[in-house]
Amino acid sequence: MYGLMDPAGQVEKLKLFAETASFIWYADLLNEVFLPNAILAINLISLLSLLSGIFLVLGFWISGGCVLGILVSFHWFFGQIVCSPFHAWNSILLIILALIVLFSKKSRKYSLDEKFFKK
């Protein structure tokens, strides 16, 4: 949600990610898609992060929450691998944890999904 509170700072962060990206395809994606629509991209990233957290905390639509979390974590990983390697590897940890939850049947045992949509 930091993007909604400080959009100018997040635009600068996107520019920094584009300048220092180790992967050409990611720099191109940032320069051609994200930066021309910077405010929309920042709001979308913030919204996806928020929805992912809400879905996972509430236990509702766990698969969707995991996928959204993985997408946002990949964005942060590719953006921060040069600028802040420690934070980039935190993103990898989040991706691994999200994959474990995504493919674990026991993670849904007490979820709202199970309560509302019993099979």
PDB file of N, CA and C in Angstrom:
ATOM      1  N   MET A   1       0.814  -1.186   0.000  1.00  0.00           N
ATOM      2  CA  MET A   1       0.000   0.000   0.000  1.00  0.00           C
ATOM      3  C   MET A   1       0.862   1.255   0.000  1.00  0.00           C
ATOM      4  N   TYR A   2       2.163   1.087   0.092  1.00  0.00           N
ATOM      5  CA  TYR A   2       3.075   2.225   0.087  1.00  0.00           C
ATOM      6  C   TYR A   2       2.936   3.016  -1.209  1.00  0.00           C
ATOM      7  N   GLY A   3       2.620   2.323  -2.299  1.00  0.00           N
ATOM      8  CA  GLY A   3       2.477   2.991  -3.582  1.00  0.00           C
ATOM      9  C   GLY A   3       1.344   3.987  -3.599  1.00  0.00           C
ATOM     10  N   LEU A   4       0.297   3.745  -2.839  1.00  0.00           N
ATOM     11  CA  LEU A   4      -0.830   4.662  -2.799  1.00  0.00           C
ATOM     12  C   LEU A   4      -0.514   5.889  -1.958  1.00  0.00           C
ATOM     13  N   MET A   5       0.374   5.747  -0.975  1.00  0.00           N
ATOM     14  CA  MET A   5       0.718   6.869  -0.107  1.00  0.00           C
ATOM     15  C   MET A   5       1.811   7.753  -0.706  1.00  0.00           C
ATOM     16  N   ASP A   6       2.712   7.184  -1.489  1.00  0.00           N
ATOM     17  CA  ASP A   6       3.821   7.935  -2.063  1.00  0.00           C
ATOM     18  C   ASP A   6       4.025   7.533  -3.526  1.00  0.00           C
ATOM     19  N   PRO A   7       3.087   7.915  -4.413  1.00  0.00           N
ATOM     20  CA  PRO A   7       3.227   7.491  -5.810  1.00  0.00           C
ATOM     21  C   PRO A   7       4.474   8.051  -6.490  1.00  0.00           C
ATOM     22  N   ALA A   8       4.889   9.264  -6.136  1.00  0.00           N
ATOM     23  CA  ALA A   8       6.085   9.842  -6.770  1.00  0.00           C
ATOM     24  C   ALA A   8       7.329   9.026  -6.415  1.00  0.00           C
ATOM     25  N   GLY A   9       7.427   8.586  -5.175  1.00  0.00           N
ATOM     26  CA  GLY A   9       8.556   7.761  -4.762  1.00  0.00           C
ATOM     27  C   GLY A   9       8.554   6.415  -5.462  1.00  0.00           C
ATOM     28  N   GLN A  10       7.378   5.878  -5.693  1.00  0.00           N
ATOM     29  CA  GLN A  10       7.288   4.593  -6.379  1.00  0.00           C
ATOM     30  C   GLN A  10       7.623   4.721  -7.864  1.00  0.00           C
ATOM     31  N   VAL A  11       7.274   5.853  -8.469  1.00  0.00           N
ATOM     32  CA  VAL A  11       7.659   6.086  -9.873  1.00  0.00           C
ATOM     33  C   VAL A  11       9.180   6.126  -9.973  1.00  0.00           C
ATOM     34  N   GLU A  12       9.822   6.794  -9.032  1.00  0.00           N
ATOM     35  CA  GLU A  12      11.291   6.834  -9.022  1.00  0.00           C
ATOM     36  C   GLU A  12      11.876   5.436  -8.826  1.00  0.00           C
ATOM     37  N   LYS A  13      11.223   4.632  -7.993  1.00  0.00           N
ATOM     38  CA  LYS A  13      11.702   3.258  -7.774  1.00  0.00           C
ATOM     39  C   LYS A  13      11.562   2.440  -9.058  1.00  0.00           C
ATOM     40  N   LEU A  14      10.447   2.613  -9.787  1.00  0.00           N
ATOM     41  CA  LEU A  14      10.286   1.912 -11.062  1.00  0.00           C
ATOM     42  C   LEU A  14      11.364   2.336 -12.061  1.00  0.00           C
ATOM     43  N   LYS A  15      11.674   3.635 -12.094  1.00  0.00           N
ATOM     44  CA  LYS A  15      12.732   4.116 -12.985  1.00  0.00           C
ATOM     45  C   LYS A  15      14.075   3.498 -12.609  1.00  0.00           C
ATOM     46  N   LEU A  16      14.347   3.415 -11.310  1.00  0.00           N
ATOM     47  CA  LEU A  16      15.594   2.795 -10.844  1.00  0.00           C
ATOM     48  C   LEU A  16      15.633   1.323 -11.222  1.00  0.00           C
ATOM     49  N   PHE A  17      14.515   0.624 -11.060  1.00  0.00           N
ATOM     50  CA  PHE A  17      14.455  -0.781 -11.455  1.00  0.00           C
ATOM     51  C   PHE A  17      14.746  -0.929 -12.945  1.00  0.00           C
ATOM     52  N   ALA A  18      14.172  -0.030 -13.768  1.00  0.00           N
ATOM     53  CA  ALA A  18      14.374  -0.107 -15.220  1.00  0.00           C
ATOM     54  C   ALA A  18      15.832   0.159 -15.594  1.00  0.00           C
ATOM     55  N   GLU A  19      16.481   1.074 -14.890  1.00  0.00           N
ATOM     56  CA  GLU A  19      17.878   1.407 -15.191  1.00  0.00           C
ATOM     57  C   GLU A  19      18.838   0.313 -14.767  1.00  0.00           C
ATOM     58  N   THR A  20      18.544  -0.372 -13.668  1.00  0.00           N
ATOM     59  CA  THR A  20      19.498  -1.335 -13.116  1.00  0.00           C
ATOM     60  C   THR A  20      19.094  -2.786 -13.349  1.00  0.00           C
ATOM     61  N   ALA A  21      18.055  -3.023 -14.128  1.00  0.00           N
ATOM     62  CA  ALA A  21      17.558  -4.387 -14.326  1.00  0.00           C
ATOM     63  C   ALA A  21      18.623  -5.274 -14.963  1.00  0.00           C
ATOM     64  N   SER A  22      18.798  -6.440 -14.395  1.00  0.00           N
ATOM     65  CA  SER A  22      19.766  -7.403 -14.921  1.00  0.00           C
ATOM     66  C   SER A  22      19.221  -8.145 -16.130  1.00  0.00           C
ATOM     67  N   PHE A  23      17.927  -8.163 -16.256  1.00  0.00           N
ATOM     68  CA  PHE A  23      17.271  -8.899 -17.326  1.00  0.00           C
ATOM     69  C   PHE A  23      16.729  -7.909 -18.349  1.00  0.00           C
ATOM     70  N   ILE A  24      17.145  -8.065 -19.600  1.00  0.00           N
ATOM     71  CA  ILE A  24      16.749  -7.138 -20.663  1.00  0.00           C
ATOM     72  C   ILE A  24      15.233  -7.136 -20.841  1.00  0.00           C
ATOM     73  N   TRP A  25      14.618  -8.304 -20.806  1.00  0.00           N
ATOM     74  CA  TRP A  25      13.169  -8.369 -21.022  1.00  0.00           C
ATOM     75  C   TRP A  25      12.415  -7.639 -19.910  1.00  0.00           C
ATOM     76  N   TYR A  26      12.950  -7.675 -18.689  1.00  0.00           N
ATOM     77  CA  TYR A  26      12.290  -6.983 -17.582  1.00  0.00           C
ATOM     78  C   TYR A  26      12.455  -5.466 -17.726  1.00  0.00           C
ATOM     79  N   ALA A  27      13.628  -5.019 -18.133  1.00  0.00           N
ATOM     80  CA  ALA A  27      13.847  -3.587 -18.364  1.00  0.00           C
ATOM     81  C   ALA A  27      12.935  -3.090 -19.484  1.00  0.00           C
ATOM     82  N   ASP A  28      12.806  -3.891 -20.547  1.00  0.00           N
ATOM     83  CA  ASP A  28      11.903  -3.515 -21.634  1.00  0.00           C
ATOM     84  C   ASP A  28      10.457  -3.448 -21.164  1.00  0.00           C
ATOM     85  N   LEU A  29      10.048  -4.410 -20.348  1.00  0.00           N
ATOM     86  CA  LEU A  29       8.687  -4.409 -19.811  1.00  0.00           C
ATOM     87  C   LEU A  29       8.439  -3.150 -18.983  1.00  0.00           C
ATOM     88  N   LEU A  30       9.400  -2.802 -18.141  1.00  0.00           N
ATOM     89  CA  LEU A  30       9.251  -1.599 -17.321  1.00  0.00           C
ATOM     90  C   LEU A  30       9.211  -0.339 -18.178  1.00  0.00           C
ATOM     91  N   ASN A  31      10.126  -0.239 -19.144  1.00  0.00           N
ATOM     92  CA  ASN A  31      10.212   0.965 -19.965  1.00  0.00           C
ATOM     93  C   ASN A  31       9.055   1.126 -20.934  1.00  0.00           C
ATOM     94  N   GLU A  32       8.547   0.018 -21.461  1.00  0.00           N
ATOM     95  CA  GLU A  32       7.506   0.100 -22.490  1.00  0.00           C
ATOM     96  C   GLU A  32       6.091  -0.010 -21.950  1.00  0.00           C
ATOM     97  N   VAL A  33       5.904  -0.663 -20.811  1.00  0.00           N
ATOM     98  CA  VAL A  33       4.548  -0.872 -20.295  1.00  0.00           C
ATOM     99  C   VAL A  33       4.331  -0.149 -18.960  1.00  0.00           C
ATOM    100  N   PHE A  34       5.193  -0.389 -17.996  1.00  0.00           N
ATOM    101  CA  PHE A  34       4.967   0.143 -16.654  1.00  0.00           C
ATOM    102  C   PHE A  34       5.198   1.649 -16.569  1.00  0.00           C
ATOM    103  N   LEU A  35       6.332   2.138 -17.059  1.00  0.00           N
ATOM    104  CA  LEU A  35       6.659   3.560 -16.889  1.00  0.00           C
ATOM    105  C   LEU A  35       5.734   4.504 -17.649  1.00  0.00           C
ATOM    106  N   PRO A  36       5.309   4.193 -18.888  1.00  0.00           N
ATOM    107  CA  PRO A  36       4.358   5.098 -19.534  1.00  0.00           C
ATOM    108  C   PRO A  36       3.018   5.175 -18.788  1.00  0.00           C
ATOM    109  N   ASN A  37       2.697   4.152 -18.049  1.00  0.00           N
ATOM    110  CA  ASN A  37       1.465   4.102 -17.251  1.00  0.00           C
ATOM    111  C   ASN A  37       1.832   3.939 -15.781  1.00  0.00           C
ATOM    112  N   ALA A  38       2.741   4.755 -15.301  1.00  0.00           N
ATOM    113  CA  ALA A  38       3.358   4.542 -13.989  1.00  0.00           C
ATOM    114  C   ALA A  38       2.352   4.552 -12.846  1.00  0.00           C
ATOM    115  N   ILE A  39       1.479   5.537 -12.802  1.00  0.00           N
ATOM    116  CA  ILE A  39       0.530   5.621 -11.690  1.00  0.00           C
ATOM    117  C   ILE A  39      -0.417   4.423 -11.714  1.00  0.00           C
ATOM    118  N   LEU A  40      -0.887   4.042 -12.901  1.00  0.00           N
ATOM    119  CA  LEU A  40      -1.752   2.863 -13.012  1.00  0.00           C
ATOM    120  C   LEU A  40      -1.003   1.603 -12.572  1.00  0.00           C
ATOM    121  N   ALA A  41       0.243   1.460 -13.002  1.00  0.00           N
ATOM    122  CA  ALA A  41       1.038   0.282 -12.644  1.00  0.00           C
ATOM    123  C   ALA A  41       1.279   0.209 -11.142  1.00  0.00           C
ATOM    124  N   ILE A  42       1.590   1.356 -10.535  1.00  0.00           N
ATOM    125  CA  ILE A  42       1.841   1.380  -9.092  1.00  0.00           C
ATOM    126  C   ILE A  42       0.578   1.025  -8.319  1.00  0.00           C
ATOM    127  N   ASN A  43      -0.547   1.593  -8.744  1.00  0.00           N
ATOM    128  CA  ASN A  43      -1.814   1.275  -8.083  1.00  0.00           C
ATOM    129  C   ASN A  43      -2.183  -0.193  -8.277  1.00  0.00           C
ATOM    130  N   LEU A  44      -1.902  -0.745  -9.462  1.00  0.00           N
ATOM    131  CA  LEU A  44      -2.193  -2.159  -9.716  1.00  0.00           C
ATOM    132  C   LEU A  44      -1.322  -3.067  -8.845  1.00  0.00           C
ATOM    133  N   ILE A  45      -0.046  -2.765  -8.741  1.00  0.00           N
ATOM    134  CA  ILE A  45       0.856  -3.558  -7.897  1.00  0.00           C
ATOM    135  C   ILE A  45       0.413  -3.491  -6.441  1.00  0.00           C
ATOM    136  N   SER A  46       0.051  -2.291  -5.979  1.00  0.00           N
ATOM    137  CA  SER A  46      -0.419  -2.130  -4.598  1.00  0.00           C
ATOM    138  C   SER A  46      -1.703  -2.901  -4.362  1.00  0.00           C
ATOM    139  N   LEU A  47      -2.633  -2.826  -5.318  1.00  0.00           N
ATOM    140  CA  LEU A  47      -3.905  -3.534  -5.192  1.00  0.00           C
ATOM    141  C   LEU A  47      -3.693  -5.049  -5.183  1.00  0.00           C
ATOM    142  N   LEU A  48      -2.829  -5.548  -6.064  1.00  0.00           N
ATOM    143  CA  LEU A  48      -2.557  -6.988  -6.096  1.00  0.00           C
ATOM    144  C   LEU A  48      -1.926  -7.459  -4.788  1.00  0.00           C
ATOM    145  N   SER A  49      -1.026  -6.658  -4.238  1.00  0.00           N
ATOM    146  CA  SER A  49      -0.405  -7.015  -2.949  1.00  0.00           C
ATOM    147  C   SER A  49      -1.447  -7.053  -1.842  1.00  0.00           C
ATOM    148  N   LEU A  50      -2.303  -6.058  -1.814  1.00  0.00           N
ATOM    149  CA  LEU A  50      -3.345  -5.981  -0.792  1.00  0.00           C
ATOM    150  C   LEU A  50      -4.322  -7.150  -0.912  1.00  0.00           C
ATOM    151  N   LEU A  51      -4.791  -7.423  -2.124  1.00  0.00           N
ATOM    152  CA  LEU A  51      -5.733  -8.524  -2.318  1.00  0.00           C
ATOM    153  C   LEU A  51      -5.108  -9.872  -1.964  1.00  0.00           C
ATOM    154  N   SER A  52      -3.864 -10.062  -2.344  1.00  0.00           N
ATOM    155  CA  SER A  52      -3.169 -11.302  -2.013  1.00  0.00           C
ATOM    156  C   SER A  52      -3.128 -11.512  -0.509  1.00  0.00           C
ATOM    157  N   GLY A  53      -2.740 -10.474   0.215  1.00  0.00           N
ATOM    158  CA  GLY A  53      -2.683 -10.576   1.680  1.00  0.00           C
ATOM    159  C   GLY A  53      -4.042 -10.826   2.295  1.00  0.00           C
ATOM    160  N   ILE A  54      -5.063 -10.126   1.825  1.00  0.00           N
ATOM    161  CA  ILE A  54      -6.421 -10.310   2.363  1.00  0.00           C
ATOM    162  C   ILE A  54      -6.906 -11.726   2.097  1.00  0.00           C
ATOM    163  N   PHE A  55      -6.726 -12.201   0.861  1.00  0.00           N
ATOM    164  CA  PHE A  55      -7.177 -13.556   0.533  1.00  0.00           C
ATOM    165  C   PHE A  55      -6.489 -14.603   1.396  1.00  0.00           C
ATOM    166  N   LEU A  56      -5.185 -14.449   1.603  1.00  0.00           N
ATOM    167  CA  LEU A  56      -4.449 -15.444   2.376  1.00  0.00           C
ATOM    168  C   LEU A  56      -4.759 -15.365   3.868  1.00  0.00           C
ATOM    169  N   VAL A  57      -4.908 -14.166   4.402  1.00  0.00           N
ATOM    170  CA  VAL A  57      -5.203 -14.022   5.825  1.00  0.00           C
ATOM    171  C   VAL A  57      -6.598 -14.538   6.136  1.00  0.00           C
ATOM    172  N   LEU A  58      -7.562 -14.210   5.281  1.00  0.00           N
ATOM    173  CA  LEU A  58      -8.937 -14.655   5.515  1.00  0.00           C
ATOM    174  C   LEU A  58      -9.162 -16.111   5.129  1.00  0.00           C
ATOM    175  N   GLY A  59      -8.268 -16.653   4.322  1.00  0.00           N
ATOM    176  CA  GLY A  59      -8.434 -18.033   3.889  1.00  0.00           C
ATOM    177  C   GLY A  59      -9.506 -18.177   2.830  1.00  0.00           C
ATOM    178  N   PHE A  60      -9.713 -17.118   2.078  1.00  0.00           N
ATOM    179  CA  PHE A  60     -10.719 -17.142   1.028  1.00  0.00           C
ATOM    180  C   PHE A  60     -10.026 -16.985  -0.313  1.00  0.00           C
ATOM    181  N   TRP A  61     -10.316 -17.879  -1.238  1.00  0.00           N
ATOM    182  CA  TRP A  61      -9.697 -17.934  -2.562  1.00  0.00           C
ATOM    183  C   TRP A  61      -8.178 -17.993  -2.412  1.00  0.00           C
ATOM    184  N   ILE A  62      -7.740 -19.043  -1.696  1.00  0.00           N
ATOM    185  CA  ILE A  62      -6.323 -19.218  -1.375  1.00  0.00           C
ATOM    186  C   ILE A  62      -5.472 -19.363  -2.636  1.00  0.00           C
ATOM    187  N   SER A  63      -5.944 -20.106  -3.607  1.00  0.00           N
ATOM    188  CA  SER A  63      -5.159 -20.282  -4.836  1.00  0.00           C
ATOM    189  C   SER A  63      -4.930 -18.948  -5.526  1.00  0.00           C
ATOM    190  N   GLY A  64      -5.968 -18.147  -5.624  1.00  0.00           N
ATOM    191  CA  GLY A  64      -5.833 -16.828  -6.243  1.00  0.00           C
ATOM    192  C   GLY A  64      -4.901 -15.933  -5.463  1.00  0.00           C
ATOM    193  N   GLY A  65      -4.994 -15.972  -4.141  1.00  0.00           N
ATOM    194  CA  GLY A  65      -4.104 -15.178  -3.300  1.00  0.00           C
ATOM    195  C   GLY A  65      -2.651 -15.574  -3.490  1.00  0.00           C
ATOM    196  N   CYS A  66      -2.399 -16.870  -3.598  1.00  0.00           N
ATOM    197  CA  CYS A  66      -1.028 -17.343  -3.812  1.00  0.00           C
ATOM    198  C   CYS A  66      -0.494 -16.898  -5.171  1.00  0.00           C
ATOM    199  N   VAL A  67      -1.317 -17.017  -6.199  1.00  0.00           N
ATOM    200  CA  VAL A  67      -0.875 -16.617  -7.541  1.00  0.00           C
ATOM    201  C   VAL A  67      -0.602 -15.117  -7.594  1.00  0.00           C
ATOM    202  N   LEU A  68      -1.488 -14.323  -7.010  1.00  0.00           N
ATOM    203  CA  LEU A  68      -1.257 -12.873  -6.974  1.00  0.00           C
ATOM    204  C   LEU A  68       0.022 -12.542  -6.210  1.00  0.00           C
ATOM    205  N   GLY A  69       0.223 -13.215  -5.079  1.00  0.00           N
ATOM    206  CA  GLY A  69       1.432 -13.003  -4.297  1.00  0.00           C
ATOM    207  C   GLY A  69       2.689 -13.383  -5.055  1.00  0.00           C
ATOM    208  N   ILE A  70       2.626 -14.458  -5.815  1.00  0.00           N
ATOM    209  CA  ILE A  70       3.778 -14.892  -6.615  1.00  0.00           C
ATOM    210  C   ILE A  70       4.092 -13.867  -7.693  1.00  0.00           C
ATOM    211  N   LEU A  71       3.058 -13.357  -8.361  1.00  0.00           N
ATOM    212  CA  LEU A  71       3.283 -12.350  -9.404  1.00  0.00           C
ATOM    213  C   LEU A  71       3.939 -11.090  -8.844  1.00  0.00           C
ATOM    214  N   VAL A  72       3.428 -10.615  -7.731  1.00  0.00           N
ATOM    215  CA  VAL A  72       4.001  -9.409  -7.121  1.00  0.00           C
ATOM    216  C   VAL A  72       5.417  -9.683  -6.628  1.00  0.00           C
ATOM    217  N   SER A  73       5.653 -10.851  -6.056  1.00  0.00           N
ATOM    218  CA  SER A  73       6.995 -11.189  -5.565  1.00  0.00           C
ATOM    219  C   SER A  73       8.005 -11.292  -6.700  1.00  0.00           C
ATOM    220  N   PHE A  74       7.571 -11.816  -7.860  1.00  0.00           N
ATOM    221  CA  PHE A  74       8.471 -11.852  -9.012  1.00  0.00           C
ATOM    222  C   PHE A  74       8.835 -10.440  -9.449  1.00  0.00           C
ATOM    223  N   HIS A  75       7.853  -9.547  -9.448  1.00  0.00           N
ATOM    224  CA  HIS A  75       8.145  -8.146  -9.801  1.00  0.00           C
ATOM    225  C   HIS A  75       9.205  -7.575  -8.861  1.00  0.00           C
ATOM    226  N   TRP A  76       9.033  -7.768  -7.566  1.00  0.00           N
ATOM    227  CA  TRP A  76       9.992  -7.227  -6.600  1.00  0.00           C
ATOM    228  C   TRP A  76      11.346  -7.917  -6.728  1.00  0.00           C
ATOM    229  N   PHE A  77      11.349  -9.226  -7.010  1.00  0.00           N
ATOM    230  CA  PHE A  77      12.625  -9.924  -7.166  1.00  0.00           C
ATOM    231  C   PHE A  77      13.420  -9.359  -8.338  1.00  0.00           C
ATOM    232  N   PHE A  78      12.777  -9.289  -9.504  1.00  0.00           N
ATOM    233  CA  PHE A  78      13.498  -8.819 -10.689  1.00  0.00           C
ATOM    234  C   PHE A  78      13.908  -7.357 -10.552  1.00  0.00           C
ATOM    235  N   GLY A  79      13.121  -6.563  -9.862  1.00  0.00           N
ATOM    236  CA  GLY A  79      13.455  -5.164  -9.687  1.00  0.00           C
ATOM    237  C   GLY A  79      14.557  -4.927  -8.681  1.00  0.00           C
ATOM    238  N   GLN A  80      14.627  -5.736  -7.643  1.00  0.00           N
ATOM    239  CA  GLN A  80      15.562  -5.467  -6.550  1.00  0.00           C
ATOM    240  C   GLN A  80      16.819  -6.320  -6.579  1.00  0.00           C
ATOM    241  N   ILE A  81      16.965  -7.192  -7.549  1.00  0.00           N
ATOM    242  CA  ILE A  81      18.110  -8.094  -7.541  1.00  0.00           C
ATOM    243  C   ILE A  81      19.435  -7.327  -7.585  1.00  0.00           C
ATOM    244  N   VAL A  82      19.473  -6.184  -8.251  1.00  0.00           N
ATOM    245  CA  VAL A  82      20.700  -5.393  -8.319  1.00  0.00           C
ATOM    246  C   VAL A  82      20.745  -4.372  -7.193  1.00  0.00           C
ATOM    247  N   CYS A  83      19.625  -3.664  -6.965  1.00  0.00           N
ATOM    248  CA  CYS A  83      19.586  -2.564  -5.986  1.00  0.00           C
ATOM    249  C   CYS A  83      19.699  -3.068  -4.553  1.00  0.00           C
ATOM    250  N   SER A  84      18.949  -4.112  -4.248  1.00  0.00           N
ATOM    251  CA  SER A  84      18.885  -4.586  -2.868  1.00  0.00           C
ATOM    252  C   SER A  84      18.767  -6.109  -2.860  1.00  0.00           C
ATOM    253  N   PRO A  85      19.887  -6.811  -2.996  1.00  0.00           N
ATOM    254  CA  PRO A  85      19.841  -8.268  -3.098  1.00  0.00           C
ATOM    255  C   PRO A  85      19.163  -8.946  -1.905  1.00  0.00           C
ATOM    256  N   PHE A  86      19.300  -8.393  -0.705  1.00  0.00           N
ATOM    257  CA  PHE A  86      18.660  -8.995   0.463  1.00  0.00           C
ATOM    258  C   PHE A  86      17.149  -9.024   0.297  1.00  0.00           C
ATOM    259  N   HIS A  87      16.568  -7.898  -0.125  1.00  0.00           N
ATOM    260  CA  HIS A  87      15.124  -7.863  -0.322  1.00  0.00           C
ATOM    261  C   HIS A  87      14.690  -8.745  -1.494  1.00  0.00           C
ATOM    262  N   ALA A  88      15.541  -8.853  -2.496  1.00  0.00           N
ATOM    263  CA  ALA A  88      15.224  -9.716  -3.630  1.00  0.00           C
ATOM    264  C   ALA A  88      15.113 -11.174  -3.174  1.00  0.00           C
ATOM    265  N   TRP A  89      16.010 -11.604  -2.315  1.00  0.00           N
ATOM    266  CA  TRP A  89      15.952 -12.988  -1.853  1.00  0.00           C
ATOM    267  C   TRP A  89      14.791 -13.210  -0.888  1.00  0.00           C
ATOM    268  N   ASN A  90      14.336 -12.162  -0.214  1.00  0.00           N
ATOM    269  CA  ASN A  90      13.109 -12.282   0.574  1.00  0.00           C
ATOM    270  C   ASN A  90      11.924 -12.579  -0.337  1.00  0.00           C
ATOM    271  N   SER A  91      11.939 -11.994  -1.526  1.00  0.00           N
ATOM    272  CA  SER A  91      10.874 -12.263  -2.489  1.00  0.00           C
ATOM    273  C   SER A  91      10.882 -13.731  -2.912  1.00  0.00           C
ATOM    274  N   ILE A  92      12.065 -14.299  -3.083  1.00  0.00           N
ATOM    275  CA  ILE A  92      12.159 -15.724  -3.439  1.00  0.00           C
ATOM    276  C   ILE A  92      11.589 -16.583  -2.318  1.00  0.00           C
ATOM    277  N   LEU A  93      11.881 -16.227  -1.081  1.00  0.00           N
ATOM    278  CA  LEU A  93      11.316 -16.954   0.050  1.00  0.00           C
ATOM    279  C   LEU A  93       9.791 -16.881   0.034  1.00  0.00           C
ATOM    280  N   LEU A  94       9.245 -15.713  -0.235  1.00  0.00           N
ATOM    281  CA  LEU A  94       7.785 -15.573  -0.317  1.00  0.00           C
ATOM    282  C   LEU A  94       7.201 -16.401  -1.455  1.00  0.00           C
ATOM    283  N   ILE A  95       7.904 -16.466  -2.574  1.00  0.00           N
ATOM    284  CA  ILE A  95       7.440 -17.281  -3.703  1.00  0.00           C
ATOM    285  C   ILE A  95       7.418 -18.751  -3.311  1.00  0.00           C
ATOM    286  N   ILE A  96       8.466 -19.210  -2.655  1.00  0.00           N
ATOM    287  CA  ILE A  96       8.530 -20.612  -2.228  1.00  0.00           C
ATOM    288  C   ILE A  96       7.403 -20.927  -1.247  1.00  0.00           C
ATOM    289  N   LEU A  97       7.184 -20.047  -0.274  1.00  0.00           N
ATOM    290  CA  LEU A  97       6.108 -20.266   0.696  1.00  0.00           C
ATOM    291  C   LEU A  97       4.737 -20.257   0.026  1.00  0.00           C
ATOM    292  N   ALA A  98       4.539 -19.350  -0.916  1.00  0.00           N
ATOM    293  CA  ALA A  98       3.264 -19.301  -1.635  1.00  0.00           C
ATOM    294  C   ALA A  98       3.052 -20.574  -2.452  1.00  0.00           C
ATOM    295  N   LEU A  99       4.115 -21.107  -3.052  1.00  0.00           N
ATOM    296  CA  LEU A  99       3.991 -22.359  -3.809  1.00  0.00           C
ATOM    297  C   LEU A  99       3.649 -23.533  -2.892  1.00  0.00           C
ATOM    298  N   ILE A 100       4.233 -23.544  -1.700  1.00  0.00           N
ATOM    299  CA  ILE A 100       3.913 -24.604  -0.734  1.00  0.00           C
ATOM    300  C   ILE A 100       2.446 -24.539  -0.355  1.00  0.00           C
ATOM    301  N   VAL A 101       1.959 -23.346  -0.061  1.00  0.00           N
ATOM    302  CA  VAL A 101       0.545 -23.193   0.305  1.00  0.00           C
ATOM    303  C   VAL A 101      -0.346 -23.525  -0.883  1.00  0.00           C
ATOM    304  N   LEU A 102       0.050 -23.108  -2.067  1.00  0.00           N
ATOM    305  CA  LEU A 102      -0.749 -23.334  -3.271  1.00  0.00           C
ATOM    306  C   LEU A 102      -0.950 -24.821  -3.542  1.00  0.00           C
ATOM    307  N   PHE A 103       0.095 -25.622  -3.358  1.00  0.00           N
ATOM    308  CA  PHE A 103       0.012 -27.036  -3.699  1.00  0.00           C
ATOM    309  C   PHE A 103      -0.254 -27.950  -2.503  1.00  0.00           C
ATOM    310  N   SER A 104      -0.425 -27.396  -1.328  1.00  0.00           N
ATOM    311  CA  SER A 104      -0.690 -28.193  -0.135  1.00  0.00           C
ATOM    312  C   SER A 104      -2.200 -28.300   0.096  1.00  0.00           C
ATOM    313  N   LYS A 105      -2.687 -29.518   0.178  1.00  0.00           N
ATOM    314  CA  LYS A 105      -4.114 -29.715   0.442  1.00  0.00           C
ATOM    315  C   LYS A 105      -4.456 -29.382   1.892  1.00  0.00           C
ATOM    316  N   LYS A 106      -3.513 -29.567   2.785  1.00  0.00           N
ATOM    317  CA  LYS A 106      -3.770 -29.290   4.203  1.00  0.00           C
ATOM    318  C   LYS A 106      -3.905 -27.802   4.497  1.00  0.00           C
ATOM    319  N   SER A 107      -3.392 -26.952   3.605  1.00  0.00           N
ATOM    320  CA  SER A 107      -3.487 -25.511   3.842  1.00  0.00           C
ATOM    321  C   SER A 107      -4.924 -25.013   3.757  1.00  0.00           C
ATOM    322  N   ARG A 108      -5.796 -25.806   3.172  1.00  0.00           N
ATOM    323  CA  ARG A 108      -7.185 -25.397   3.012  1.00  0.00           C
ATOM    324  C   ARG A 108      -8.111 -25.981   4.080  1.00  0.00           C
ATOM    325  N   LYS A 109      -7.551 -26.711   5.012  1.00  0.00           N
ATOM    326  CA  LYS A 109      -8.368 -27.421   5.993  1.00  0.00           C
ATOM    327  C   LYS A 109      -9.276 -26.483   6.776  1.00  0.00           C
ATOM    328  N   TYR A 110      -8.780 -25.344   7.202  1.00  0.00           N
ATOM    329  CA  TYR A 110      -9.570 -24.417   8.006  1.00  0.00           C
ATOM    330  C   TYR A 110      -9.935 -23.138   7.248  1.00  0.00           C
ATOM    331  N   SER A 111      -9.818 -23.166   5.933  1.00  0.00           N
ATOM    332  CA  SER A 111     -10.059 -21.953   5.150  1.00  0.00           C
ATOM    333  C   SER A 111     -11.548 -21.701   4.950  1.00  0.00           C
ATOM    334  N   LEU A 112     -11.870 -20.469   4.628  1.00  0.00           N
ATOM    335  CA  LEU A 112     -13.258 -20.121   4.326  1.00  0.00           C
ATOM    336  C   LEU A 112     -13.722 -20.793   3.042  1.00  0.00           C
ATOM    337  N   ASP A 113     -12.782 -21.073   2.138  1.00  0.00           N
ATOM    338  CA  ASP A 113     -13.139 -21.793   0.914  1.00  0.00           C
ATOM    339  C   ASP A 113     -13.806 -23.119   1.246  1.00  0.00           C
ATOM    340  N   GLU A 114     -13.234 -23.844   2.181  1.00  0.00           N
ATOM    341  CA  GLU A 114     -13.780 -25.143   2.569  1.00  0.00           C
ATOM    342  C   GLU A 114     -15.140 -25.014   3.244  1.00  0.00           C
ATOM    343  N   LYS A 115     -15.312 -23.954   4.010  1.00  0.00           N
ATOM    344  CA  LYS A 115     -16.578 -23.775   4.711  1.00  0.00           C
ATOM    345  C   LYS A 115     -17.701 -23.417   3.752  1.00  0.00           C
ATOM    346  N   PHE A 116     -17.424 -22.566   2.758  1.00  0.00           N
ATOM    347  CA  PHE A 116     -18.462 -22.113   1.843  1.00  0.00           C
ATOM    348  C   PHE A 116     -18.688 -23.060   0.674  1.00  0.00           C
ATOM    349  N   PHE A 117     -17.623 -23.681   0.185  1.00  0.00           N
ATOM    350  CA  PHE A 117     -17.701 -24.483  -1.023  1.00  0.00           C
ATOM    351  C   PHE A 117     -17.323 -25.931  -0.745  1.00  0.00           C
ATOM    352  N   LYS A 118     -18.039 -26.596   0.146  1.00  0.00           N
ATOM    353  CA  LYS A 118     -17.733 -27.988   0.440  1.00  0.00           C
ATOM    354  C   LYS A 118     -18.007 -28.832  -0.785  1.00  0.00           C
ATOM    355  N   LYS A 119     -17.093 -29.769  -1.015  1.00  0.00           N
ATOM    356  CA  LYS A 119     -17.230 -30.641  -2.201  1.00  0.00           C
ATOM    357  C   LYS A 119     -17.816 -31.960  -1.823  1.00  0.00           C
TER     358      LYS A 119
END
